[in-house]
Amino acid sequence: QVQLAESGGGLVQAGGSLRLSCAASGRYAMVWFRQAPGKEREFVSRINRNSDSTYYADSVKGRFTISRDNAKNTVYLQMNSLKPEDTAVYYCAAKDRDYSPRWDYWGQGTQVTVSS
C-alpha cells in the first residue's frame, strides 16, 4: 500500500493563497480532488507520472498550479486568488501508471476554507 500524507490546508481570506502538499513513497501519477458539503467530489488538477503533463479543472485554471519535487516524492498544489467557492476538503490520490483508469491510493484529506 502506498502511503500519502497530505498537509497545508487552513483558513484564508478571499484573494489569499495556500499551498497543499502530498508526500508519497515513490513516483506516481497524482491528482487533487475536492469535495464541498452537499456536492459531488470534483477533479481539481493532475500531474502525470512519466511525462509530467499537467491538467486543471476549468474552475481553477490560471489560479492553481500543480508541481512535483522528485527528490522528496512530493506533489504540491499552489492555490492563489482563492475564492469562497474553493472551500472544500481536498484529497490527493495516486496511481502507478499514467494510463490506469483507477486512482488506487488516497490521502486523508485536508480542509481548505476561504472566507469572503
PDB file of N, CA and C in Angstrom:
ATOM      1  N   GLN A   1       0.829  -1.175   0.000  1.00  0.00           N
ATOM      2  CA  GLN A   1       0.000   0.000   0.000  1.00  0.00           C
ATOM      3  C   GLN A   1       0.880   1.247   0.000  1.00  0.00           C
ATOM      4  N   VAL A   2       0.573   2.170  -0.905  1.00  0.00           N
ATOM      5  CA  VAL A   2       1.277   3.443  -0.969  1.00  0.00           C
ATOM      6  C   VAL A   2       0.657   4.392   0.035  1.00  0.00           C
ATOM      7  N   GLN A   3       1.499   5.003   0.837  1.00  0.00           N
ATOM      8  CA  GLN A   3       1.029   5.938   1.844  1.00  0.00           C
ATOM      9  C   GLN A   3       1.173   7.364   1.332  1.00  0.00           C
ATOM     10  N   LEU A   4       0.093   8.126   1.427  1.00  0.00           N
ATOM     11  CA  LEU A   4       0.083   9.523   1.024  1.00  0.00           C
ATOM     12  C   LEU A   4      -0.204  10.380   2.242  1.00  0.00           C
ATOM     13  N   ALA A   5       0.633  11.373   2.461  1.00  0.00           N
ATOM     14  CA  ALA A   5       0.490  12.261   3.602  1.00  0.00           C
ATOM     15  C   ALA A   5       0.201  13.670   3.112  1.00  0.00           C
ATOM     16  N   GLU A   6      -0.993  14.166   3.400  1.00  0.00           N
ATOM     17  CA  GLU A   6      -1.406  15.492   2.975  1.00  0.00           C
ATOM     18  C   GLU A   6      -1.191  16.515   4.073  1.00  0.00           C
ATOM     19  N   SER A   7      -0.929  17.745   3.660  1.00  0.00           N
ATOM     20  CA  SER A   7      -0.826  18.849   4.594  1.00  0.00           C
ATOM     21  C   SER A   7      -1.035  20.157   3.852  1.00  0.00           C
ATOM     22  N   GLY A   8      -1.215  21.232   4.599  1.00  0.00           N
ATOM     23  CA  GLY A   8      -1.256  22.559   4.019  1.00  0.00           C
ATOM     24  C   GLY A   8      -2.600  23.246   4.016  1.00  0.00           C
ATOM     25  N   GLY A   9      -3.658  22.555   4.404  1.00  0.00           N
ATOM     26  CA  GLY A   9      -4.959  23.185   4.443  1.00  0.00           C
ATOM     27  C   GLY A   9      -5.055  24.207   5.558  1.00  0.00           C
ATOM     28  N   GLY A  10      -6.112  24.998   5.508  1.00  0.00           N
ATOM     29  CA  GLY A  10      -6.312  26.003   6.533  1.00  0.00           C
ATOM     30  C   GLY A  10      -7.391  26.987   6.153  1.00  0.00           C
ATOM     31  N   LEU A  11      -7.443  28.068   6.906  1.00  0.00           N
ATOM     32  CA  LEU A  11      -8.410  29.139   6.699  1.00  0.00           C
ATOM     33  C   LEU A  11      -7.705  30.340   6.097  1.00  0.00           C
ATOM     34  N   VAL A  12      -8.271  30.871   5.026  1.00  0.00           N
ATOM     35  CA  VAL A  12      -7.674  32.008   4.345  1.00  0.00           C
ATOM     36  C   VAL A  12      -8.785  32.909   3.822  1.00  0.00           C
ATOM     37  N   GLN A  13      -8.501  34.201   3.734  1.00  0.00           N
ATOM     38  CA  GLN A  13      -9.463  35.145   3.182  1.00  0.00           C
ATOM     39  C   GLN A  13      -9.466  35.081   1.656  1.00  0.00           C
ATOM     40  N   ALA A  14     -10.588  35.465   1.080  1.00  0.00           N
ATOM     41  CA  ALA A  14     -10.686  35.516  -0.373  1.00  0.00           C
ATOM     42  C   ALA A  14      -9.556  36.358  -0.948  1.00  0.00           C
ATOM     43  N   GLY A  15      -8.966  35.853  -2.021  1.00  0.00           N
ATOM     44  CA  GLY A  15      -7.827  36.504  -2.635  1.00  0.00           C
ATOM     45  C   GLY A  15      -6.487  36.019  -2.125  1.00  0.00           C
ATOM     46  N   GLY A  16      -6.499  35.257  -1.057  1.00  0.00           N
ATOM     47  CA  GLY A  16      -5.274  34.753  -0.476  1.00  0.00           C
ATOM     48  C   GLY A  16      -4.789  33.482  -1.141  1.00  0.00           C
ATOM     49  N   SER A  17      -3.756  32.892  -0.540  1.00  0.00           N
ATOM     50  CA  SER A  17      -3.107  31.724  -1.119  1.00  0.00           C
ATOM     51  C   SER A  17      -2.871  30.652  -0.078  1.00  0.00           C
ATOM     52  N   LEU A  18      -2.858  29.424  -0.535  1.00  0.00           N
ATOM     53  CA  LEU A  18      -2.463  28.277   0.262  1.00  0.00           C
ATOM     54  C   LEU A  18      -1.661  27.333  -0.620  1.00  0.00           C
ATOM     55  N   ARG A  19      -0.814  26.550   0.004  1.00  0.00           N
ATOM     56  CA  ARG A  19      -0.039  25.541  -0.708  1.00  0.00           C
ATOM     57  C   ARG A  19      -0.250  24.195  -0.044  1.00  0.00           C
ATOM     58  N   LEU A  20      -0.870  23.285  -0.771  1.00  0.00           N
ATOM     59  CA  LEU A  20      -1.081  21.938  -0.285  1.00  0.00           C
ATOM     60  C   LEU A  20       0.077  21.050  -0.725  1.00  0.00           C
ATOM     61  N   SER A  21       0.382  20.058   0.077  1.00  0.00           N
ATOM     62  CA  SER A  21       1.407  19.101  -0.282  1.00  0.00           C
ATOM     63  C   SER A  21       0.900  17.685  -0.074  1.00  0.00           C
ATOM     64  N   CYS A  22       1.439  16.768  -0.847  1.00  0.00           N
ATOM     65  CA  CYS A  22       1.095  15.357  -0.746  1.00  0.00           C
ATOM     66  C   CYS A  22       2.369  14.559  -0.937  1.00  0.00           C
ATOM     67  N   ALA A  23       2.859  13.977   0.134  1.00  0.00           N
ATOM     68  CA  ALA A  23       4.100  13.219   0.105  1.00  0.00           C
ATOM     69  C   ALA A  23       3.803  11.740  -0.100  1.00  0.00           C
ATOM     70  N   ALA A  24       4.497  11.131  -1.049  1.00  0.00           N
ATOM     71  CA  ALA A  24       4.315   9.728  -1.379  1.00  0.00           C
ATOM     72  C   ALA A  24       5.600   8.953  -1.138  1.00  0.00           C
ATOM     73  N   SER A  25       5.525   7.639  -1.316  1.00  0.00           N
ATOM     74  CA  SER A  25       6.672   6.777  -1.115  1.00  0.00           C
ATOM     75  C   SER A  25       7.432   6.486  -2.401  1.00  0.00           C
ATOM     76  N   GLY A  26       7.046   7.113  -3.491  1.00  0.00           N
ATOM     77  CA  GLY A  26       7.695   6.923  -4.771  1.00  0.00           C
ATOM     78  C   GLY A  26       7.132   7.882  -5.799  1.00  0.00           C
ATOM     79  N   ARG A  27       7.449   7.618  -7.065  1.00  0.00           N
ATOM     80  CA  ARG A  27       6.962   8.464  -8.145  1.00  0.00           C
ATOM     81  C   ARG A  27       5.676   7.876  -8.727  1.00  0.00           C
ATOM     82  N   TYR A  28       4.624   8.681  -8.724  1.00  0.00           N
ATOM     83  CA  TYR A  28       3.317   8.253  -9.190  1.00  0.00           C
ATOM     84  C   TYR A  28       2.643   9.371  -9.958  1.00  0.00           C
ATOM     85  N   ALA A  29       1.709   8.990 -10.817  1.00  0.00           N
ATOM     86  CA  ALA A  29       0.755   9.978 -11.288  1.00  0.00           C
ATOM     87  C   ALA A  29      -0.086  10.408 -10.095  1.00  0.00           C
ATOM     88  N   MET A  30      -0.335  11.691  -9.976  1.00  0.00           N
ATOM     89  CA  MET A  30      -1.058  12.174  -8.810  1.00  0.00           C
ATOM     90  C   MET A  30      -2.105  13.194  -9.211  1.00  0.00           C
ATOM     91  N   VAL A  31      -3.132  13.267  -8.399  1.00  0.00           N
ATOM     92  CA  VAL A  31      -4.277  14.107  -8.688  1.00  0.00           C
ATOM     93  C   VAL A  31      -4.778  14.744  -7.402  1.00  0.00           C
ATOM     94  N   TRP A  32      -5.383  15.894  -7.560  1.00  0.00           N
ATOM     95  CA  TRP A  32      -6.106  16.532  -6.475  1.00  0.00           C
ATOM     96  C   TRP A  32      -7.586  16.559  -6.810  1.00  0.00           C
ATOM     97  N   PHE A  33      -8.395  16.075  -5.893  1.00  0.00           N
ATOM     98  CA  PHE A  33      -9.841  16.209  -5.930  1.00  0.00           C
ATOM     99  C   PHE A  33     -10.275  17.088  -4.768  1.00  0.00           C
ATOM    100  N   ARG A  34     -11.495  17.568  -4.843  1.00  0.00           N
ATOM    101  CA  ARG A  34     -12.063  18.274  -3.701  1.00  0.00           C
ATOM    102  C   ARG A  34     -13.545  17.962  -3.589  1.00  0.00           C
ATOM    103  N   GLN A  35     -14.044  18.091  -2.372  1.00  0.00           N
ATOM    104  CA  GLN A  35     -15.455  17.845  -2.131  1.00  0.00           C
ATOM    105  C   GLN A  35     -15.973  18.853  -1.117  1.00  0.00           C
ATOM    106  N   ALA A  36     -16.954  19.618  -1.546  1.00  0.00           N
ATOM    107  CA  ALA A  36     -17.613  20.586  -0.682  1.00  0.00           C
ATOM    108  C   ALA A  36     -18.867  19.964  -0.088  1.00  0.00           C
ATOM    109  N   PRO A  37     -19.346  20.476   1.047  1.00  0.00           N
ATOM    110  CA  PRO A  37     -20.557  19.927   1.660  1.00  0.00           C
ATOM    111  C   PRO A  37     -21.729  19.918   0.691  1.00  0.00           C
ATOM    112  N   GLY A  38     -22.390  18.776   0.593  1.00  0.00           N
ATOM    113  CA  GLY A  38     -23.554  18.649  -0.265  1.00  0.00           C
ATOM    114  C   GLY A  38     -23.262  18.535  -1.744  1.00  0.00           C
ATOM    115  N   LYS A  39     -22.002  18.450  -2.117  1.00  0.00           N
ATOM    116  CA  LYS A  39     -21.634  18.382  -3.526  1.00  0.00           C
ATOM    117  C   LYS A  39     -20.855  17.115  -3.830  1.00  0.00           C
ATOM    118  N   GLU A  40     -20.836  16.772  -5.105  1.00  0.00           N
ATOM    119  CA  GLU A  40     -20.051  15.639  -5.559  1.00  0.00           C
ATOM    120  C   GLU A  40     -18.567  15.975  -5.505  1.00  0.00           C
ATOM    121  N   ARG A  41     -17.765  14.950  -5.333  1.00  0.00           N
ATOM    122  CA  ARG A  41     -16.334  15.127  -5.434  1.00  0.00           C
ATOM    123  C   ARG A  41     -15.975  15.544  -6.860  1.00  0.00           C
ATOM    124  N   GLU A  42     -15.096  16.515  -7.004  1.00  0.00           N
ATOM    125  CA  GLU A  42     -14.750  17.006  -8.317  1.00  0.00           C
ATOM    126  C   GLU A  42     -13.237  17.030  -8.521  1.00  0.00           C
ATOM    127  N   PHE A  43     -12.860  16.867  -9.760  1.00  0.00           N
ATOM    128  CA  PHE A  43     -11.468  16.932 -10.157  1.00  0.00           C
ATOM    129  C   PHE A  43     -10.954  18.353 -10.066  1.00  0.00           C
ATOM    130  N   VAL A  44      -9.726  18.508  -9.585  1.00  0.00           N
ATOM    131  CA  VAL A  44      -9.091  19.814  -9.491  1.00  0.00           C
ATOM    132  C   VAL A  44      -7.880  19.906 -10.410  1.00  0.00           C
ATOM    133  N   SER A  45      -6.930  18.979 -10.241  1.00  0.00           N
ATOM    134  CA  SER A  45      -5.698  19.049 -11.013  1.00  0.00           C
ATOM    135  C   SER A  45      -5.000  17.700 -11.003  1.00  0.00           C
ATOM    136  N   ARG A  46      -4.182  17.466 -12.021  1.00  0.00           N
ATOM    137  CA  ARG A  46      -3.459  16.203 -12.161  1.00  0.00           C
ATOM    138  C   ARG A  46      -2.075  16.447 -12.723  1.00  0.00           C
ATOM    139  N   ILE A  47      -1.125  15.597 -12.328  1.00  0.00           N
ATOM    140  CA  ILE A  47       0.191  15.575 -12.943  1.00  0.00           C
ATOM    141  C   ILE A  47       0.535  14.128 -13.257  1.00  0.00           C
ATOM    142  N   ASN A  48       0.998  13.876 -14.490  1.00  0.00           N
ATOM    143  CA  ASN A  48       1.311  12.522 -14.915  1.00  0.00           C
ATOM    144  C   ASN A  48       2.609  12.034 -14.289  1.00  0.00           C
ATOM    145  N   ARG A  49       2.782  10.722 -14.284  1.00  0.00           N
ATOM    146  CA  ARG A  49       3.983  10.125 -13.718  1.00  0.00           C
ATOM    147  C   ARG A  49       5.179  10.279 -14.639  1.00  0.00           C
ATOM    148  N   ASN A  50       5.012   9.935 -15.919  1.00  0.00           N
ATOM    149  CA  ASN A  50       6.142   9.870 -16.836  1.00  0.00           C
ATOM    150  C   ASN A  50       6.408  11.167 -17.580  1.00  0.00           C
ATOM    151  N   SER A  51       5.376  11.810 -18.044  1.00  0.00           N
ATOM    152  CA  SER A  51       5.539  13.000 -18.867  1.00  0.00           C
ATOM    153  C   SER A  51       5.537  14.304 -18.079  1.00  0.00           C
ATOM    154  N   ASP A  52       5.056  14.274 -16.859  1.00  0.00           N
ATOM    155  CA  ASP A  52       4.849  15.468 -16.044  1.00  0.00           C
ATOM    156  C   ASP A  52       3.848  16.436 -16.665  1.00  0.00           C
ATOM    157  N   SER A  53       3.055  15.948 -17.594  1.00  0.00           N
ATOM    158  CA  SER A  53       1.967  16.762 -18.119  1.00  0.00           C
ATOM    159  C   SER A  53       1.005  17.102 -16.997  1.00  0.00           C
ATOM    160  N   THR A  54       0.454  18.296 -17.060  1.00  0.00           N
ATOM    161  CA  THR A  54      -0.464  18.751 -16.025  1.00  0.00           C
ATOM    162  C   THR A  54      -1.816  19.092 -16.616  1.00  0.00           C
ATOM    163  N   TYR A  55      -2.842  18.983 -15.780  1.00  0.00           N
ATOM    164  CA  TYR A  55      -4.216  19.223 -16.193  1.00  0.00           C
ATOM    165  C   TYR A  55      -4.940  19.940 -15.066  1.00  0.00           C
ATOM    166  N   TYR A  56      -5.900  20.784 -15.458  1.00  0.00           N
ATOM    167  CA  TYR A  56      -6.630  21.568 -14.478  1.00  0.00           C
ATOM    168  C   TYR A  56      -8.107  21.629 -14.824  1.00  0.00           C
ATOM    169  N   ALA A  57      -8.925  21.644 -13.789  1.00  0.00           N
ATOM    170  CA  ALA A  57     -10.328  21.947 -13.987  1.00  0.00           C
ATOM    171  C   ALA A  57     -10.472  23.390 -14.446  1.00  0.00           C
ATOM    172  N   ASP A  58     -11.487  23.648 -15.259  1.00  0.00           N
ATOM    173  CA  ASP A  58     -11.702  24.998 -15.756  1.00  0.00           C
ATOM    174  C   ASP A  58     -11.857  26.007 -14.621  1.00  0.00           C
ATOM    175  N   SER A  59     -12.434  25.578 -13.527  1.00  0.00           N
ATOM    176  CA  SER A  59     -12.712  26.482 -12.425  1.00  0.00           C
ATOM    177  C   SER A  59     -11.459  26.983 -11.716  1.00  0.00           C
ATOM    178  N   VAL A  60     -10.330  26.307 -11.912  1.00  0.00           N
ATOM    179  CA  VAL A  60      -9.104  26.695 -11.213  1.00  0.00           C
ATOM    180  C   VAL A  60      -7.980  27.100 -12.155  1.00  0.00           C
ATOM    181  N   LYS A  61      -8.186  26.999 -13.443  1.00  0.00           N
ATOM    182  CA  LYS A  61      -7.149  27.368 -14.402  1.00  0.00           C
ATOM    183  C   LYS A  61      -6.728  28.820 -14.214  1.00  0.00           C
ATOM    184  N   GLY A  62      -5.429  29.027 -14.228  1.00  0.00           N
ATOM    185  CA  GLY A  62      -4.885  30.357 -14.039  1.00  0.00           C
ATOM    186  C   GLY A  62      -4.691  30.747 -12.592  1.00  0.00           C
ATOM    187  N   ARG A  63      -5.249  29.974 -11.671  1.00  0.00           N
ATOM    188  CA  ARG A  63      -5.130  30.273 -10.246  1.00  0.00           C
ATOM    189  C   ARG A  63      -4.344  29.216  -9.486  1.00  0.00           C
ATOM    190  N   PHE A  64      -4.501  27.956  -9.871  1.00  0.00           N
ATOM    191  CA  PHE A  64      -3.839  26.846  -9.188  1.00  0.00           C
ATOM    192  C   PHE A  64      -2.712  26.309 -10.055  1.00  0.00           C
ATOM    193  N   THR A  65      -1.660  25.826  -9.405  1.00  0.00           N
ATOM    194  CA  THR A  65      -0.540  25.217 -10.101  1.00  0.00           C
ATOM    195  C   THR A  65      -0.135  23.940  -9.391  1.00  0.00           C
ATOM    196  N   ILE A  66      -0.085  22.844 -10.134  1.00  0.00           N
ATOM    197  CA  ILE A  66       0.381  21.584  -9.578  1.00  0.00           C
ATOM    198  C   ILE A  66       1.834  21.382  -9.991  1.00  0.00           C
ATOM    199  N   SER A  67       2.643  20.841  -9.092  1.00  0.00           N
ATOM    200  CA  SER A  67       4.052  20.625  -9.376  1.00  0.00           C
ATOM    201  C   SER A  67       4.562  19.446  -8.564  1.00  0.00           C
ATOM    202  N   ARG A  68       5.747  18.980  -8.928  1.00  0.00           N
ATOM    203  CA  ARG A  68       6.334  17.811  -8.277  1.00  0.00           C
ATOM    204  C   ARG A  68       7.765  18.093  -7.881  1.00  0.00           C
ATOM    205  N   ASP A  69       8.144  17.624  -6.700  1.00  0.00           N
ATOM    206  CA  ASP A  69       9.521  17.608  -6.251  1.00  0.00           C
ATOM    207  C   ASP A  69       9.948  16.144  -6.218  1.00  0.00           C
ATOM    208  N   ASN A  70      10.686  15.726  -7.232  1.00  0.00           N
ATOM    209  CA  ASN A  70      11.039  14.316  -7.351  1.00  0.00           C
ATOM    210  C   ASN A  70      11.955  13.839  -6.223  1.00  0.00           C
ATOM    211  N   ALA A  71      12.817  14.706  -5.744  1.00  0.00           N
ATOM    212  CA  ALA A  71      13.720  14.328  -4.666  1.00  0.00           C
ATOM    213  C   ALA A  71      12.963  13.996  -3.390  1.00  0.00           C
ATOM    214  N   LYS A  72      11.824  14.639  -3.198  1.00  0.00           N
ATOM    215  CA  LYS A  72      11.029  14.423  -1.996  1.00  0.00           C
ATOM    216  C   LYS A  72       9.798  13.552  -2.229  1.00  0.00           C
ATOM    217  N   ASN A  73       9.596  13.109  -3.470  1.00  0.00           N
ATOM    218  CA  ASN A  73       8.395  12.339  -3.824  1.00  0.00           C
ATOM    219  C   ASN A  73       7.126  13.054  -3.373  1.00  0.00           C
ATOM    220  N   THR A  74       7.107  14.341  -3.580  1.00  0.00           N
ATOM    221  CA  THR A  74       6.020  15.167  -3.098  1.00  0.00           C
ATOM    222  C   THR A  74       5.414  15.980  -4.236  1.00  0.00           C
ATOM    223  N   VAL A  75       4.101  16.046  -4.250  1.00  0.00           N
ATOM    224  CA  VAL A  75       3.370  16.868  -5.202  1.00  0.00           C
ATOM    225  C   VAL A  75       2.718  18.014  -4.444  1.00  0.00           C
ATOM    226  N   TYR A  76       2.731  19.188  -5.057  1.00  0.00           N
ATOM    227  CA  TYR A  76       2.194  20.382  -4.440  1.00  0.00           C
ATOM    228  C   TYR A  76       1.041  20.933  -5.265  1.00  0.00           C
ATOM    229  N   LEU A  77       0.147  21.605  -4.588  1.00  0.00           N
ATOM    230  CA  LEU A  77      -0.894  22.366  -5.253  1.00  0.00           C
ATOM    231  C   LEU A  77      -0.845  23.779  -4.702  1.00  0.00           C
ATOM    232  N   GLN A  78      -0.297  24.682  -5.490  1.00  0.00           N
ATOM    233  CA  GLN A  78      -0.261  26.086  -5.118  1.00  0.00           C
ATOM    234  C   GLN A  78      -1.577  26.724  -5.530  1.00  0.00           C
ATOM    235  N   MET A  79      -2.288  27.264  -4.579  1.00  0.00           N
ATOM    236  CA  MET A  79      -3.609  27.832  -4.815  1.00  0.00           C
ATOM    237  C   MET A  79      -3.551  29.328  -4.544  1.00  0.00           C
ATOM    238  N   ASN A  80      -3.718  30.110  -5.593  1.00  0.00           N
ATOM    239  CA  ASN A  80      -3.703  31.560  -5.497  1.00  0.00           C
ATOM    240  C   ASN A  80      -5.075  32.122  -5.835  1.00  0.00           C
ATOM    241  N   SER A  81      -5.275  33.371  -5.480  1.00  0.00           N
ATOM    242  CA  SER A  81      -6.539  34.057  -5.759  1.00  0.00           C
ATOM    243  C   SER A  81      -7.731  33.222  -5.328  1.00  0.00           C
ATOM    244  N   LEU A  82      -7.664  32.714  -4.129  1.00  0.00           N
ATOM    245  CA  LEU A  82      -8.695  31.806  -3.650  1.00  0.00           C
ATOM    246  C   LEU A  82     -10.044  32.500  -3.526  1.00  0.00           C
ATOM    247  N   LYS A  83     -11.080  31.734  -3.812  1.00  0.00           N
ATOM    248  CA  LYS A  83     -12.454  32.203  -3.759  1.00  0.00           C
ATOM    249  C   LYS A  83     -13.233  31.384  -2.739  1.00  0.00           C
ATOM    250  N   PRO A  84     -14.312  31.937  -2.192  1.00  0.00           N
ATOM    251  CA  PRO A  84     -15.138  31.129  -1.289  1.00  0.00           C
ATOM    252  C   PRO A  84     -15.604  29.821  -1.916  1.00  0.00           C
ATOM    253  N   GLU A  85     -15.802  29.808  -3.211  1.00  0.00           N
ATOM    254  CA  GLU A  85     -16.216  28.595  -3.911  1.00  0.00           C
ATOM    255  C   GLU A  85     -15.166  27.493  -3.870  1.00  0.00           C
ATOM    256  N   ASP A  86     -13.939  27.831  -3.512  1.00  0.00           N
ATOM    257  CA  ASP A  86     -12.883  26.833  -3.393  1.00  0.00           C
ATOM    258  C   ASP A  86     -12.931  26.082  -2.070  1.00  0.00           C
ATOM    259  N   THR A  87     -13.787  26.507  -1.167  1.00  0.00           N
ATOM    260  CA  THR A  87     -13.895  25.849   0.131  1.00  0.00           C
ATOM    261  C   THR A  87     -14.314  24.399  -0.044  1.00  0.00           C
ATOM    262  N   ALA A  88     -13.524  23.492   0.497  1.00  0.00           N
ATOM    263  CA  ALA A  88     -13.786  22.065   0.347  1.00  0.00           C
ATOM    264  C   ALA A  88     -12.729  21.292   1.117  1.00  0.00           C
ATOM    265  N   VAL A  89     -12.961  19.995   1.240  1.00  0.00           N
ATOM    266  CA  VAL A  89     -11.911  19.087   1.659  1.00  0.00           C
ATOM    267  C   VAL A  89     -11.164  18.662   0.410  1.00  0.00           C
ATOM    268  N   TYR A  90      -9.867  18.831   0.418  1.00  0.00           N
ATOM    269  CA  TYR A  90      -9.032  18.491  -0.725  1.00  0.00           C
ATOM    270  C   TYR A  90      -8.334  17.162  -0.470  1.00  0.00           C
ATOM    271  N   TYR A  91      -8.410  16.275  -1.446  1.00  0.00           N
ATOM    272  CA  TYR A  91      -7.811  14.955  -1.357  1.00  0.00           C
ATOM    273  C   TYR A  91      -6.787  14.765  -2.464  1.00  0.00           C
ATOM    274  N   CYS A  92      -5.640  14.217  -2.125  1.00  0.00           N
ATOM    275  CA  CYS A  92      -4.722  13.774  -3.159  1.00  0.00           C
ATOM    276  C   CYS A  92      -4.889  12.279  -3.356  1.00  0.00           C
ATOM    277  N   ALA A  93      -4.613  11.822  -4.561  1.00  0.00           N
ATOM    278  CA  ALA A  93      -4.671  10.411  -4.884  1.00  0.00           C
ATOM    279  C   ALA A  93      -3.568  10.092  -5.878  1.00  0.00           C
ATOM    280  N   ALA A  94      -3.230   8.805  -5.996  1.00  0.00           N
ATOM    281  CA  ALA A  94      -2.098   8.405  -6.806  1.00  0.00           C
ATOM    282  C   ALA A  94      -2.370   7.095  -7.518  1.00  0.00           C
ATOM    283  N   LYS A  95      -1.651   6.887  -8.616  1.00  0.00           N
ATOM    284  CA  LYS A  95      -1.630   5.621  -9.319  1.00  0.00           C
ATOM    285  C   LYS A  95      -0.261   5.442  -9.936  1.00  0.00           C
ATOM    286  N   ASP A  96       0.113   4.193 -10.201  1.00  0.00           N
ATOM    287  CA  ASP A  96       1.476   3.931 -10.634  1.00  0.00           C
ATOM    288  C   ASP A  96       1.672   3.926 -12.141  1.00  0.00           C
ATOM    289  N   ARG A  97       0.613   4.086 -12.910  1.00  0.00           N
ATOM    290  CA  ARG A  97       0.708   4.202 -14.356  1.00  0.00           C
ATOM    291  C   ARG A  97      -0.207   5.318 -14.837  1.00  0.00           C
ATOM    292  N   ASP A  98       0.303   6.119 -15.752  1.00  0.00           N
ATOM    293  CA  ASP A  98      -0.464   7.263 -16.220  1.00  0.00           C
ATOM    294  C   ASP A  98      -1.774   6.857 -16.876  1.00  0.00           C
ATOM    295  N   TYR A  99      -1.793   5.700 -17.539  1.00  0.00           N
ATOM    296  CA  TYR A  99      -2.965   5.278 -18.290  1.00  0.00           C
ATOM    297  C   TYR A  99      -3.945   4.444 -17.476  1.00  0.00           C
ATOM    298  N   SER A 100      -3.601   4.112 -16.244  1.00  0.00           N
ATOM    299  CA  SER A 100      -4.516   3.339 -15.415  1.00  0.00           C
ATOM    300  C   SER A 100      -5.811   4.109 -15.195  1.00  0.00           C
ATOM    301  N   PRO A 101      -6.959   3.428 -15.258  1.00  0.00           N
ATOM    302  CA  PRO A 101      -8.228   4.132 -15.087  1.00  0.00           C
ATOM    303  C   PRO A 101      -8.597   4.424 -13.640  1.00  0.00           C
ATOM    304  N   ARG A 102      -7.875   3.858 -12.706  1.00  0.00           N
ATOM    305  CA  ARG A 102      -8.254   3.954 -11.305  1.00  0.00           C
ATOM    306  C   ARG A 102      -7.179   4.638 -10.472  1.00  0.00           C
ATOM    307  N   TRP A 103      -7.626   5.507  -9.583  1.00  0.00           N
ATOM    308  CA  TRP A 103      -6.740   6.092  -8.589  1.00  0.00           C
ATOM    309  C   TRP A 103      -6.730   5.162  -7.375  1.00  0.00           C
ATOM    310  N   ASP A 104      -5.613   4.517  -7.157  1.00  0.00           N
ATOM    311  CA  ASP A 104      -5.539   3.407  -6.204  1.00  0.00           C
ATOM    312  C   ASP A 104      -5.254   3.831  -4.777  1.00  0.00           C
ATOM    313  N   TYR A 105      -4.587   4.945  -4.604  1.00  0.00           N
ATOM    314  CA  TYR A 105      -4.118   5.346  -3.290  1.00  0.00           C
ATOM    315  C   TYR A 105      -4.600   6.754  -2.983  1.00  0.00           C
ATOM    316  N   TRP A 106      -5.046   6.938  -1.747  1.00  0.00           N
ATOM    317  CA  TRP A 106      -5.686   8.200  -1.368  1.00  0.00           C
ATOM    318  C   TRP A 106      -5.113   8.761  -0.085  1.00  0.00           C
ATOM    319  N   GLY A 107      -5.015  10.071  -0.044  1.00  0.00           N
ATOM    320  CA  GLY A 107      -4.648  10.750   1.178  1.00  0.00           C
ATOM    321  C   GLY A 107      -5.838  10.917   2.101  1.00  0.00           C
ATOM    322  N   GLN A 108      -5.588  11.477   3.262  1.00  0.00           N
ATOM    323  CA  GLN A 108      -6.620  11.586   4.288  1.00  0.00           C
ATOM    324  C   GLN A 108      -7.524  12.802   4.108  1.00  0.00           C
ATOM    325  N   GLY A 109      -7.147  13.716   3.248  1.00  0.00           N
ATOM    326  CA  GLY A 109      -7.901  14.937   3.037  1.00  0.00           C
ATOM    327  C   GLY A 109      -7.430  16.064   3.939  1.00  0.00           C
ATOM    328  N   THR A 110      -7.530  17.281   3.430  1.00  0.00           N
ATOM    329  CA  THR A 110      -7.189  18.460   4.214  1.00  0.00           C
ATOM    330  C   THR A 110      -8.206  19.552   3.914  1.00  0.00           C
ATOM    331  N   GLN A 111      -8.688  20.203   4.964  1.00  0.00           N
ATOM    332  CA  GLN A 111      -9.751  21.195   4.828  1.00  0.00           C
ATOM    333  C   GLN A 111      -9.181  22.529   4.363  1.00  0.00           C
ATOM    334  N   VAL A 112      -9.799  23.087   3.335  1.00  0.00           N
ATOM    335  CA  VAL A 112      -9.497  24.431   2.869  1.00  0.00           C
ATOM    336  C   VAL A 112     -10.762  25.263   3.017  1.00  0.00           C
ATOM    337  N   THR A 113     -10.666  26.342   3.761  1.00  0.00           N
ATOM    338  CA  THR A 113     -11.804  27.229   3.963  1.00  0.00           C
ATOM    339  C   THR A 113     -11.411  28.639   3.541  1.00  0.00           C
ATOM    340  N   VAL A 114     -12.203  29.212   2.651  1.00  0.00           N
ATOM    341  CA  VAL A 114     -11.946  30.552   2.132  1.00  0.00           C
ATOM    342  C   VAL A 114     -13.097  31.448   2.558  1.00  0.00           C
ATOM    343  N   SER A 115     -12.800  32.454   3.336  1.00  0.00           N
ATOM    344  CA  SER A 115     -13.814  33.375   3.821  1.00  0.00           C
ATOM    345  C   SER A 115     -13.946  34.566   2.881  1.00  0.00           C
ATOM    346  N   SER A 116     -15.141  35.146   2.831  1.00  0.00           N
ATOM    347  CA  SER A 116     -15.405  36.271   1.953  1.00  0.00           C
ATOM    348  C   SER A 116     -15.352  37.592   2.692  1.00  0.00           C
TER     349      SER A 116
END
